[in-house]
Structures are given as structure tokens and as C-alpha cells.
Amino acid sequence: MATRKALSLAIAAAIAASLTSTITSTHAAKSEKCYGVAKAGKNDCATPHHACAGQAKASGDKKEWIMMPKGLCDKIVAGQSKSS
């Protein structure tokens, strides 16, 4: 019984990992970095000036970015899909 339960859990974990990977890659394909619109402390991740998320010192910094759906950045004042 314990072996059967362990096997079931292993299969469920493998399926969950597979689905998570698919969802993440689909999300990445439909998203883009948008520079110049992040508020201080609300950026998504690394730049040449720091290691990761939440470390932006100033709002609207052209080197800081957040992820958003493709095409949305071009509709925002000061939003750029490439770092300046």
C-alpha cells in the first residue's frame, strides 16, 4: 500500500512539473520586458546596477524593467521594450 501511494505521488509530481514548465514557457512567449515604467522598489529583476527584483532606487529609471504582455509597453508613456 505504501509503495502504491509513493508511486502515485511521484507520478502526480512529475505531471505537475511538466505542466508548470509548459505554462511558464507559454507565459514567457507572450510577455516582454518594459523599461522605464517601474516604480522605485517594484522592478522585476537584475540590471547592471543590482542583483534582482525590488531594488530599483528611482521610479521611471530607463534601465529598470517589469514584465508585461507583449505590445502593452508600447502603449505606455515612457515605456520602451529595449533598455536605453
Protein backbone atom coordinates (compact mmCIF):
# COMPACT_ATOMS: atom_id res chain seq x y z
CA MET A 1 0.00 0.00 0.00
CA ALA A 2 2.78 2.45 0.92
CA THR A 3 4.61 1.65 -2.32
CA ARG A 4 1.48 2.32 -4.34
CA LYS A 5 0.92 5.66 -2.57
CA ALA A 6 4.55 6.68 -3.12
CA LEU A 7 4.31 5.77 -6.81
CA SER A 8 1.09 7.78 -7.17
CA LEU A 9 2.69 10.81 -5.53
CA ALA A 10 5.76 10.55 -7.78
CA ILE A 11 3.58 10.42 -10.90
CA ALA A 12 1.49 13.38 -9.72
CA ALA A 13 4.66 15.40 -9.04
CA ALA A 14 6.04 14.61 -12.50
CA ILE A 15 2.79 15.69 -14.16
CA ALA A 16 2.68 18.91 -12.11
CA ALA A 17 6.29 19.74 -13.01
CA SER A 18 5.56 19.17 -16.69
CA LEU A 19 2.50 21.44 -16.63
CA THR A 20 4.35 24.19 -14.76
CA SER A 21 7.15 24.15 -17.33
CA THR A 22 4.66 24.42 -20.21
CA ILE A 23 2.76 27.28 -18.57
CA THR A 24 5.97 29.18 -17.79
CA SER A 25 7.30 28.92 -21.36
CA THR A 26 3.92 29.95 -22.80
CA HIS A 27 3.81 32.97 -20.46
CA ALA A 28 7.36 33.97 -21.44
CA ALA A 29 6.48 33.80 -25.14
CA LYS A 30 3.58 36.22 -24.60
CA SER A 31 5.50 38.66 -22.38
CA GLU A 32 8.23 41.24 -22.78
CA LYS A 33 10.40 43.44 -20.60
CA CYS A 34 9.17 47.02 -20.39
CA TYR A 35 11.84 49.54 -19.41
CA GLY A 36 11.32 52.94 -17.82
CA VAL A 37 7.96 52.33 -16.14
CA ALA A 38 8.85 50.54 -12.88
CA LYS A 39 8.25 52.36 -9.61
CA ALA A 40 11.10 52.52 -7.09
CA GLY A 41 11.40 49.15 -5.39
CA LYS A 42 8.93 47.49 -7.80
CA ASN A 43 11.19 46.36 -10.69
CA ASP A 44 11.16 42.71 -11.73
CA CYS A 45 14.81 41.65 -11.81
CA ALA A 46 18.50 42.23 -12.37
CA THR A 47 20.20 45.13 -14.14
CA PRO A 48 23.89 46.02 -14.36
CA HIS A 49 23.37 48.04 -11.12
CA HIS A 50 21.92 45.36 -8.79
CA ALA A 51 21.16 41.65 -8.47
CA CYS A 52 17.40 41.32 -8.56
CA ALA A 53 13.78 42.36 -8.04
CA GLY A 54 12.66 45.20 -5.81
CA GLN A 55 15.98 47.01 -5.81
CA ALA A 56 15.21 49.92 -8.17
CA LYS A 57 16.25 53.16 -6.44
CA ALA A 58 14.11 55.56 -8.51
CA SER A 59 10.80 55.43 -10.35
CA GLY A 60 10.97 55.62 -14.14
CA ASP A 61 14.64 54.60 -14.41
CA LYS A 62 15.27 53.69 -18.08
CA LYS A 63 17.42 50.69 -17.06
CA GLU A 64 14.79 49.13 -14.76
CA TRP A 65 12.07 46.87 -16.15
CA ILE A 66 8.92 44.91 -15.40
CA MET A 67 7.41 42.02 -17.38
CA MET A 68 4.12 42.67 -19.12
CA PRO A 69 2.08 41.28 -22.01
CA LYS A 70 3.67 41.86 -25.43
CA GLY A 71 2.54 45.09 -27.06
CA LEU A 72 1.37 46.77 -23.85
CA CYS A 73 4.67 48.55 -23.20
CA ASP A 74 4.38 50.47 -26.46
CA LYS A 75 1.06 51.91 -25.24
CA ILE A 76 2.51 53.38 -22.03
CA VAL A 77 4.09 56.84 -21.89
CA ALA A 78 7.85 56.40 -21.36
CA GLY A 79 7.59 52.62 -21.84
CA GLN A 80 10.32 51.08 -24.01
CA SER A 81 10.76 47.45 -25.00
CA LYS A 82 14.56 47.94 -25.14
CA SER A 83 16.90 49.33 -22.48
CA SER A 84 18.40 52.70 -23.24
